[in-house]
Amino acid sequence: MMIAEEQFRRIEGCFPTQRGNVKISSPSVPNAILHVSENGFKWRVLPTRFGR
C-alpha cells in the first residue's frame, strides 16, 4: 500500500515539519510506516526507496 501525494496532503498536519539537513520527500515517512506495519519487520531492513 502506498499513499498518493493528494492523500498525504490530507494528513500532513499530523506529521512534524522537517528541520535541519533532512531531505525526505513528504509521503515517504507514512509509506515507510505502512510498509513496516504490513510486512512486520525491522526498520533497518526497509527498501532503499524509503530513504535512510
PDB file of N, CA and C in Angstrom:
ATOM      1  N   MET A   1       0.847  -1.171   0.000  1.00  0.00           N
ATOM      2  CA  MET A   1       0.000   0.000   0.000  1.00  0.00           C
ATOM      3  C   MET A   1       0.892   1.234   0.000  1.00  0.00           C
ATOM      4  N   MET A   2       0.559   2.190  -0.818  1.00  0.00           N
ATOM      5  CA  MET A   2       1.309   3.437  -0.909  1.00  0.00           C
ATOM      6  C   MET A   2       0.328   4.601  -0.837  1.00  0.00           C
ATOM      7  N   ILE A   3       0.749   5.682  -0.213  1.00  0.00           N
ATOM      8  CA  ILE A   3      -0.072   6.880  -0.107  1.00  0.00           C
ATOM      9  C   ILE A   3       0.277   7.811  -1.262  1.00  0.00           C
ATOM     10  N   ALA A   4      -0.731   8.269  -1.977  1.00  0.00           N
ATOM     11  CA  ALA A   4      -0.516   9.215  -3.066  1.00  0.00           C
ATOM     12  C   ALA A   4      -0.283  10.610  -2.495  1.00  0.00           C
ATOM     13  N   GLU A   5       0.269  11.487  -3.317  1.00  0.00           N
ATOM     14  CA  GLU A   5       0.576  12.853  -2.884  1.00  0.00           C
ATOM     15  C   GLU A   5      -0.671  13.578  -2.379  1.00  0.00           C
ATOM     16  N   GLU A   6      -1.781  13.444  -3.087  1.00  0.00           N
ATOM     17  CA  GLU A   6      -3.006  14.134  -2.657  1.00  0.00           C
ATOM     18  C   GLU A   6      -3.562  13.553  -1.359  1.00  0.00           C
ATOM     19  N   GLN A   7      -3.377  12.250  -1.133  1.00  0.00           N
ATOM     20  CA  GLN A   7      -3.793  11.650   0.128  1.00  0.00           C
ATOM     21  C   GLN A   7      -2.926  12.163   1.274  1.00  0.00           C
ATOM     22  N   PHE A   8      -1.641  12.343   0.995  1.00  0.00           N
ATOM     23  CA  PHE A   8      -0.741  12.841   2.023  1.00  0.00           C
ATOM     24  C   PHE A   8      -1.103  14.266   2.424  1.00  0.00           C
ATOM     25  N   ARG A   9      -1.544  15.069   1.482  1.00  0.00           N
ATOM     26  CA  ARG A   9      -1.924  16.453   1.804  1.00  0.00           C
ATOM     27  C   ARG A   9      -3.022  16.506   2.851  1.00  0.00           C
ATOM     28  N   ARG A  10      -3.874  15.495   2.890  1.00  0.00           N
ATOM     29  CA  ARG A  10      -4.950  15.457   3.887  1.00  0.00           C
ATOM     30  C   ARG A  10      -4.428  15.206   5.298  1.00  0.00           C
ATOM     31  N   ILE A  11      -3.334  14.468   5.427  1.00  0.00           N
ATOM     32  CA  ILE A  11      -2.838  14.094   6.757  1.00  0.00           C
ATOM     33  C   ILE A  11      -1.513  14.755   7.125  1.00  0.00           C
ATOM     34  N   GLU A  12      -0.965  15.611   6.272  1.00  0.00           N
ATOM     35  CA  GLU A  12       0.362  16.154   6.533  1.00  0.00           C
ATOM     36  C   GLU A  12       0.431  16.991   7.800  1.00  0.00           C
ATOM     37  N   GLY A  13      -0.685  17.529   8.265  1.00  0.00           N
ATOM     38  CA  GLY A  13      -0.692  18.284   9.510  1.00  0.00           C
ATOM     39  C   GLY A  13      -0.432  17.423  10.738  1.00  0.00           C
ATOM     40  N   CYS A  14      -0.547  16.114  10.606  1.00  0.00           N
ATOM     41  CA  CYS A  14      -0.306  15.191  11.722  1.00  0.00           C
ATOM     42  C   CYS A  14       1.176  14.874  11.908  1.00  0.00           C
ATOM     43  N   PHE A  15       2.013  15.249  10.940  1.00  0.00           N
ATOM     44  CA  PHE A  15       3.440  14.957  10.994  1.00  0.00           C
ATOM     45  C   PHE A  15       4.212  16.236  11.295  1.00  0.00           C
ATOM     46  N   PRO A  16       5.306  16.141  12.062  1.00  0.00           N
ATOM     47  CA  PRO A  16       6.098  17.340  12.347  1.00  0.00           C
ATOM     48  C   PRO A  16       6.808  17.838  11.089  1.00  0.00           C
ATOM     49  N   THR A  17       7.097  19.129  11.058  1.00  0.00           N
ATOM     50  CA  THR A  17       7.828  19.693   9.924  1.00  0.00           C
ATOM     51  C   THR A  17       9.282  19.262  10.008  1.00  0.00           C
ATOM     52  N   GLN A  18       9.911  19.113   8.863  1.00  0.00           N
ATOM     53  CA  GLN A  18      11.302  18.686   8.820  1.00  0.00           C
ATOM     54  C   GLN A  18      12.204  19.849   9.192  1.00  0.00           C
ATOM     55  N   ARG A  19      13.250  19.537   9.952  1.00  0.00           N
ATOM     56  CA  ARG A  19      14.212  20.559  10.356  1.00  0.00           C
ATOM     57  C   ARG A  19      15.610  20.070  10.055  1.00  0.00           C
ATOM     58  N   GLY A  20      16.532  20.991   9.958  1.00  0.00           N
ATOM     59  CA  GLY A  20      17.927  20.634   9.749  1.00  0.00           C
ATOM     60  C   GLY A  20      18.204  20.210   8.328  1.00  0.00           C
ATOM     61  N   ASN A  21      19.113  19.274   8.178  1.00  0.00           N
ATOM     62  CA  ASN A  21      19.545  18.846   6.851  1.00  0.00           C
ATOM     63  C   ASN A  21      18.848  17.573   6.380  1.00  0.00           C
ATOM     64  N   VAL A  22      17.675  17.302   6.887  1.00  0.00           N
ATOM     65  CA  VAL A  22      16.915  16.110   6.493  1.00  0.00           C
ATOM     66  C   VAL A  22      16.266  16.366   5.143  1.00  0.00           C
ATOM     67  N   LYS A  23      16.455  15.468   4.211  1.00  0.00           N
ATOM     68  CA  LYS A  23      15.881  15.605   2.873  1.00  0.00           C
ATOM     69  C   LYS A  23      15.063  14.364   2.536  1.00  0.00           C
ATOM     70  N   ILE A  24      13.872  14.256   3.113  1.00  0.00           N
ATOM     71  CA  ILE A  24      12.986  13.128   2.859  1.00  0.00           C
ATOM     72  C   ILE A  24      11.731  13.670   2.204  1.00  0.00           C
ATOM     73  N   SER A  25      11.316  13.054   1.114  1.00  0.00           N
ATOM     74  CA  SER A  25      10.086  13.512   0.480  1.00  0.00           C
ATOM     75  C   SER A  25       8.916  13.257   1.425  1.00  0.00           C
ATOM     76  N   SER A  26       7.949  14.107   1.388  1.00  0.00           N
ATOM     77  CA  SER A  26       6.865  14.101   2.359  1.00  0.00           C
ATOM     78  C   SER A  26       6.138  12.765   2.500  1.00  0.00           C
ATOM     79  N   PRO A  27       5.645  12.132   1.424  1.00  0.00           N
ATOM     80  CA  PRO A  27       4.905  10.877   1.622  1.00  0.00           C
ATOM     81  C   PRO A  27       5.788   9.674   1.960  1.00  0.00           C
ATOM     82  N   SER A  28       7.097   9.822   1.967  1.00  0.00           N
ATOM     83  CA  SER A  28       7.972   8.681   2.250  1.00  0.00           C
ATOM     84  C   SER A  28       7.811   8.154   3.669  1.00  0.00           C
ATOM     85  N   VAL A  29       7.616   9.043   4.634  1.00  0.00           N
ATOM     86  CA  VAL A  29       7.511   8.615   6.028  1.00  0.00           C
ATOM     87  C   VAL A  29       6.258   7.769   6.251  1.00  0.00           C
ATOM     88  N   PRO A  30       5.053   8.257   5.899  1.00  0.00           N
ATOM     89  CA  PRO A  30       3.885   7.386   6.119  1.00  0.00           C
ATOM     90  C   PRO A  30       3.918   6.123   5.257  1.00  0.00           C
ATOM     91  N   ASN A  31       4.507   6.193   4.062  1.00  0.00           N
ATOM     92  CA  ASN A  31       4.620   4.989   3.238  1.00  0.00           C
ATOM     93  C   ASN A  31       5.544   3.968   3.895  1.00  0.00           C
ATOM     94  N   ALA A  32       6.619   4.433   4.521  1.00  0.00           N
ATOM     95  CA  ALA A  32       7.520   3.524   5.226  1.00  0.00           C
ATOM     96  C   ALA A  32       6.816   2.910   6.431  1.00  0.00           C
ATOM     97  N   ILE A  33       6.038   3.708   7.147  1.00  0.00           N
ATOM     98  CA  ILE A  33       5.280   3.196   8.293  1.00  0.00           C
ATOM     99  C   ILE A  33       4.294   2.120   7.846  1.00  0.00           C
ATOM    100  N   LEU A  34       3.592   2.372   6.758  1.00  0.00           N
ATOM    101  CA  LEU A  34       2.658   1.381   6.227  1.00  0.00           C
ATOM    102  C   LEU A  34       3.377   0.106   5.797  1.00  0.00           C
ATOM    103  N   HIS A  35       4.532   0.261   5.168  1.00  0.00           N
ATOM    104  CA  HIS A  35       5.297  -0.897   4.701  1.00  0.00           C
ATOM    105  C   HIS A  35       5.694  -1.779   5.877  1.00  0.00           C
ATOM    106  N   VAL A  36       6.189  -1.165   6.950  1.00  0.00           N
ATOM    107  CA  VAL A  36       6.604  -1.933   8.127  1.00  0.00           C
ATOM    108  C   VAL A  36       5.406  -2.590   8.799  1.00  0.00           C
ATOM    109  N   SER A  37       4.286  -1.860   8.903  1.00  0.00           N
ATOM    110  CA  SER A  37       3.126  -2.442   9.575  1.00  0.00           C
ATOM    111  C   SER A  37       2.508  -3.587   8.775  1.00  0.00           C
ATOM    112  N   GLU A  38       2.585  -3.526   7.459  1.00  0.00           N
ATOM    113  CA  GLU A  38       2.045  -4.609   6.631  1.00  0.00           C
ATOM    114  C   GLU A  38       2.954  -5.830   6.622  1.00  0.00           C
ATOM    115  N   ASN A  39       4.273  -5.596   6.599  1.00  0.00           N
ATOM    116  CA  ASN A  39       5.207  -6.706   6.453  1.00  0.00           C
ATOM    117  C   ASN A  39       5.808  -7.184   7.759  1.00  0.00           C
ATOM    118  N   GLY A  40       5.681  -6.405   8.804  1.00  0.00           N
ATOM    119  CA  GLY A  40       6.119  -6.818  10.124  1.00  0.00           C
ATOM    120  C   GLY A  40       7.585  -7.145  10.255  1.00  0.00           C
ATOM    121  N   PHE A  41       8.459  -6.278   9.798  1.00  0.00           N
ATOM    122  CA  PHE A  41       9.879  -6.499  10.021  1.00  0.00           C
ATOM    123  C   PHE A  41      10.538  -5.241  10.539  1.00  0.00           C
ATOM    124  N   LYS A  42      11.815  -5.319  10.823  1.00  0.00           N
ATOM    125  CA  LYS A  42      12.526  -4.227  11.466  1.00  0.00           C
ATOM    126  C   LYS A  42      12.776  -3.063  10.508  1.00  0.00           C
ATOM    127  N   TRP A  43      12.836  -1.862  11.079  1.00  0.00           N
ATOM    128  CA  TRP A  43      13.061  -0.646  10.289  1.00  0.00           C
ATOM    129  C   TRP A  43      14.350  -0.712   9.480  1.00  0.00           C
ATOM    130  N   ARG A  44      15.372  -1.345  10.014  1.00  0.00           N
ATOM    131  CA  ARG A  44      16.668  -1.324   9.337  1.00  0.00           C
ATOM    132  C   ARG A  44      16.681  -2.115   8.027  1.00  0.00           C
ATOM    133  N   VAL A  45      15.662  -2.925   7.773  1.00  0.00           N
ATOM    134  CA  VAL A  45      15.626  -3.681   6.517  1.00  0.00           C
ATOM    135  C   VAL A  45      14.604  -3.099   5.525  1.00  0.00           C
ATOM    136  N   LEU A  46      14.275  -1.819   5.696  1.00  0.00           N
ATOM    137  CA  LEU A  46      13.379  -1.164   4.741  1.00  0.00           C
ATOM    138  C   LEU A  46      14.039  -1.085   3.362  1.00  0.00           C
ATOM    139  N   PRO A  47      13.274  -1.175   2.316  1.00  0.00           N
ATOM    140  CA  PRO A  47      13.827  -0.969   0.983  1.00  0.00           C
ATOM    141  C   PRO A  47      14.402   0.445   0.842  1.00  0.00           C
ATOM    142  N   THR A  48      15.397   0.609   0.011  1.00  0.00           N
ATOM    143  CA  THR A  48      16.062   1.892  -0.131  1.00  0.00           C
ATOM    144  C   THR A  48      15.155   2.976  -0.711  1.00  0.00           C
ATOM    145  N   ARG A  49      14.044   2.609  -1.314  1.00  0.00           N
ATOM    146  CA  ARG A  49      13.162   3.628  -1.886  1.00  0.00           C
ATOM    147  C   ARG A  49      12.529   4.523  -0.819  1.00  0.00           C
ATOM    148  N   PHE A  50      12.600   4.116   0.456  1.00  0.00           N
ATOM    149  CA  PHE A  50      12.047   4.914   1.544  1.00  0.00           C
ATOM    150  C   PHE A  50      13.101   5.823   2.172  1.00  0.00           C
ATOM    151  N   GLY A  51      14.306   5.800   1.712  1.00  0.00           N
ATOM    152  CA  GLY A  51      15.363   6.648   2.262  1.00  0.00           C
ATOM    153  C   GLY A  51      16.016   6.026   3.481  1.00  0.00           C
ATOM    154  N   ARG A  52      16.831   6.823   4.160  1.00  0.00           N
ATOM    155  CA  ARG A  52      17.573   6.331   5.323  1.00  0.00           C
ATOM    156  C   ARG A  52      16.724   6.348   6.553  1.00  0.00           C
TER     157      ARG A  52
END
